[in-house]
Amino acid sequence: MNILYLGVPPFSLTPIIKESGCDVIECNSKIDVNFLKQHKIDFAVSYRCPNIIRKPIINYLQGNIINLHISLLPWNRGSDPNLWSFLENTPKGVTIHYLDEGLDTGKIIAQKKIIFDGANETLVTTYNKLNAEIIALFKEKWPAIMRGEIAGKDQQGKGSRHVLKDKNLFLHLIAKKGWNTTVSELINQAIR
């Protein structure tokens, strides 16, 4: 099976996909249906992908495309899910879902809720933990996903959605320490 891995280096899922006997093509640029045909892509995995995957690609792959997202969907769809989970005090976790035309709106394959210690965690440490958890969840679920054994469940509730520019109003909260700002500092400044 030929798997297209859409993301940015380091391509941390590649070893997991290769262990399953699949060939992997890593890509961090925009693609089209001709690219899929040329490389005989059977399935696509999106994780930290910098580009929006458009309808023609989704249609061509006929449900054989998933996304890994470091939020507990339907909360914090889109950009900076880790930051928004603390700013809006929403559930934290990771989700693997099928890709559809919406922004992180596809059927959920697997999720894991994560609890953080806000007093001792920074935005960097929480981000790193979420990434480790999503990779572990992918490793656990990938064999069943690639065999088409998980149908997925509709997302429940409205949730929330953010785009990249939304965080501009809050960048002053992390101006001194950047992503090394502790969660407790972020929350204390945000509620002032």
Protein backbone atom coordinates (compact mmCIF):
# COMPACT_ATOMS: atom_id res chain seq x y z
CA MET A 1 0.00 0.00 0.00
CA ASN A 2 1.31 3.48 -0.89
CA ILE A 3 0.75 5.99 1.90
CA LEU A 4 1.06 9.74 1.43
CA TYR A 5 2.15 11.43 4.65
CA LEU A 6 1.25 15.13 4.55
CA GLY A 7 3.06 17.16 7.20
CA VAL A 8 6.31 18.86 8.07
CA PRO A 9 9.68 17.41 9.08
CA PRO A 10 10.41 15.56 11.19
CA PHE A 11 7.98 13.03 9.74
CA SER A 12 7.52 11.15 13.03
CA LEU A 13 4.82 8.78 11.76
CA THR A 14 6.93 7.34 8.93
CA PRO A 15 8.51 4.52 11.00
CA ILE A 16 5.08 3.43 12.27
CA ILE A 17 3.63 3.36 8.76
CA LYS A 18 6.66 1.48 7.39
CA GLU A 19 6.39 -1.11 10.20
CA SER A 20 2.97 -2.00 8.80
CA GLY A 21 4.56 -2.96 5.48
CA CYS A 22 3.50 0.16 3.60
CA ASP A 23 5.57 2.45 1.43
CA VAL A 24 5.58 6.10 2.52
CA ILE A 25 5.86 9.29 0.49
CA GLU A 26 6.48 12.32 2.72
CA CYS A 27 5.23 15.67 1.48
CA ASN A 28 5.04 19.18 2.95
CA SER A 29 3.87 21.05 -0.14
CA LYS A 30 0.54 21.45 -1.91
CA ILE A 31 -0.59 18.47 -3.95
CA ASP A 32 -3.26 17.74 -6.53
CA VAL A 33 -5.03 14.67 -7.87
CA ASN A 34 -2.33 14.23 -10.54
CA PHE A 35 0.23 13.85 -7.75
CA LEU A 36 -1.91 11.11 -6.18
CA LYS A 37 -2.24 9.31 -9.52
CA GLN A 38 1.44 9.66 -10.38
CA HIS A 39 2.51 8.14 -7.05
CA LYS A 40 -0.33 5.59 -6.95
CA ILE A 41 -1.45 6.74 -3.51
CA ASP A 42 -3.84 4.37 -1.73
CA PHE A 43 -4.21 6.26 1.56
CA ALA A 44 -3.18 9.63 3.04
CA VAL A 45 -2.28 10.59 6.58
CA SER A 46 -2.23 14.28 7.53
CA TYR A 47 -0.36 15.37 10.65
CA ARG A 48 0.78 18.96 11.14
CA CYS A 49 0.04 19.57 7.47
CA PRO A 50 0.66 23.22 6.53
CA ASN A 51 -1.82 23.18 3.63
CA ILE A 52 -5.58 22.83 3.43
CA ILE A 53 -6.50 19.58 1.72
CA ARG A 54 -9.12 20.35 -0.91
CA LYS A 55 -12.25 18.52 -2.01
CA PRO A 56 -10.81 16.94 -5.22
CA ILE A 57 -8.14 15.15 -3.17
CA ILE A 58 -10.64 14.02 -0.52
CA ASN A 59 -13.00 12.75 -3.22
CA TYR A 60 -10.24 10.93 -5.10
CA LEU A 61 -9.13 9.08 -1.96
CA GLN A 62 -12.75 8.02 -1.22
CA GLY A 63 -12.49 8.09 2.57
CA ASN A 64 -8.93 6.83 2.70
CA ILE A 65 -7.56 10.00 4.28
CA ILE A 66 -7.18 10.78 7.97
CA ASN A 67 -5.97 13.69 10.06
CA LEU A 68 -4.29 13.74 13.46
CA HIS A 69 -5.23 16.75 15.60
CA ILE A 70 -3.96 17.72 19.05
CA SER A 71 -7.32 18.64 20.50
CA LEU A 72 -10.31 16.77 21.84
CA LEU A 73 -12.64 17.43 18.92
CA PRO A 74 -15.06 19.05 18.45
CA TRP A 75 -13.14 21.52 20.65
CA ASN A 76 -10.43 23.71 19.17
CA ARG A 77 -10.70 22.87 15.50
CA GLY A 78 -8.15 24.64 13.33
CA SER A 79 -5.04 26.51 14.44
CA ASP A 80 -3.27 26.51 17.80
CA PRO A 81 -5.55 24.00 19.55
CA ASN A 82 -3.26 23.69 22.56
CA LEU A 83 -3.25 27.45 23.22
CA TRP A 84 -7.04 27.73 22.85
CA SER A 85 -7.72 24.79 25.15
CA PHE A 86 -6.19 26.83 27.97
CA LEU A 87 -7.48 30.27 26.95
CA GLU A 88 -11.06 28.97 26.71
CA ASN A 89 -10.76 26.23 29.34
CA THR A 90 -12.01 23.54 27.01
CA PRO A 91 -11.32 19.79 27.19
CA LYS A 92 -7.79 18.80 26.27
CA GLY A 93 -6.70 15.75 24.33
CA VAL A 94 -5.92 14.28 20.93
CA THR A 95 -8.07 13.03 18.06
CA ILE A 96 -7.64 10.97 14.93
CA HIS A 97 -10.43 11.63 12.44
CA TYR A 98 -11.38 11.03 8.83
CA LEU A 99 -10.89 14.06 6.64
CA ASP A 100 -13.91 15.75 5.11
CA GLU A 101 -14.38 19.17 3.51
CA GLY A 102 -14.75 20.97 6.86
CA LEU A 103 -11.97 22.15 9.15
CA ASP A 104 -11.37 19.23 11.55
CA THR A 105 -15.04 18.16 11.28
CA GLY A 106 -14.70 14.57 10.03
CA LYS A 107 -15.83 11.40 11.77
CA ILE A 108 -13.80 10.52 14.84
CA ILE A 109 -11.72 7.35 14.72
CA ALA A 110 -10.08 7.59 18.14
CA GLN A 111 -9.59 10.10 20.95
CA LYS A 112 -7.77 10.37 24.23
CA LYS A 113 -8.46 12.95 26.91
CA ILE A 114 -5.36 14.49 28.54
CA ILE A 115 -5.15 16.19 31.94
CA PHE A 116 -2.37 18.71 32.59
CA ASP A 117 -0.93 20.21 35.76
CA GLY A 118 -1.29 23.90 34.92
CA ALA A 119 1.02 25.03 37.70
CA ASN A 120 4.01 23.10 36.36
CA GLU A 121 3.33 22.92 32.64
CA THR A 122 4.25 25.38 29.89
CA LEU A 123 2.73 25.72 26.45
CA VAL A 124 5.80 23.87 25.13
CA THR A 125 5.57 20.94 27.57
CA THR A 126 1.83 20.53 26.98
CA TYR A 127 2.35 20.67 23.21
CA ASN A 128 5.09 18.04 23.44
CA LYS A 129 2.89 15.77 25.56
CA LEU A 130 0.00 16.13 23.13
CA ASN A 131 2.29 15.24 20.22
CA ALA A 132 3.63 12.18 22.07
CA GLU A 133 0.06 11.08 22.86
CA ILE A 134 -1.19 11.48 19.28
CA ILE A 135 1.76 9.47 17.96
CA ALA A 136 1.10 6.71 20.51
CA LEU A 137 -2.60 6.68 19.62
CA PHE A 138 -1.75 6.50 15.92
CA LYS A 139 0.63 3.59 16.53
CA GLU A 140 -2.11 1.74 18.39
CA LYS A 141 -4.88 2.40 15.85
CA TRP A 142 -3.01 2.48 12.50
CA PRO A 143 -3.27 -1.26 11.67
CA ALA A 144 -7.07 -1.21 12.06
CA ILE A 145 -7.36 2.13 10.25
CA MET A 146 -5.40 0.96 7.21
CA ARG A 147 -7.48 -2.22 7.04
CA GLY A 148 -10.66 -0.11 7.04
CA GLU A 149 -11.93 -1.61 10.29
CA ILE A 150 -12.93 1.64 12.03
CA ALA A 151 -15.95 3.45 10.60
CA GLY A 152 -15.68 6.54 12.79
CA LYS A 153 -18.34 8.40 14.75
CA ASP A 154 -19.91 11.78 14.08
CA GLN A 155 -18.61 14.60 16.25
CA GLN A 156 -21.01 15.59 19.02
CA GLY A 157 -21.73 19.20 19.92
CA LYS A 158 -20.78 22.52 18.42
CA GLY A 159 -17.26 22.73 19.83
CA SER A 160 -15.02 25.63 18.77
CA ARG A 161 -12.92 26.72 15.81
CA HIS A 162 -9.96 29.06 15.39
CA VAL A 163 -7.86 30.38 12.56
CA LEU A 164 -4.24 31.46 12.75
CA LYS A 165 -4.96 35.19 13.07
CA ASP A 166 -7.28 34.65 16.07
CA LYS A 167 -4.31 34.34 18.41
CA ASN A 168 -3.04 37.85 17.52
CA LEU A 169 -5.27 39.35 20.22
CA PHE A 170 -3.57 37.17 22.83
CA LEU A 171 0.09 37.28 21.80
CA HIS A 172 0.78 39.89 24.48
CA LEU A 173 0.05 37.17 27.07
CA ILE A 174 3.09 35.22 25.94
CA ALA A 175 5.29 38.16 24.94
CA LYS A 176 7.90 37.70 27.70
CA LYS A 177 8.45 33.94 27.64
CA GLY A 178 6.88 32.89 24.37
CA TRP A 179 5.74 29.28 24.29
CA ASN A 180 7.67 28.72 27.55
CA THR A 181 4.94 30.65 29.37
CA THR A 182 3.42 28.46 32.05
CA VAL A 183 -0.21 27.54 31.69
CA SER A 184 -0.98 29.17 35.05
CA GLU A 185 0.67 32.46 33.94
CA LEU A 186 -1.30 32.40 30.70
CA ILE A 187 -4.61 31.80 32.46
CA ASN A 188 -3.92 34.41 35.17
CA GLN A 189 -3.11 37.06 32.57
CA ALA A 190 -6.06 36.14 30.36
CA ILE A 191 -8.65 36.57 33.11
CA ARG A 192 -7.44 40.05 34.08
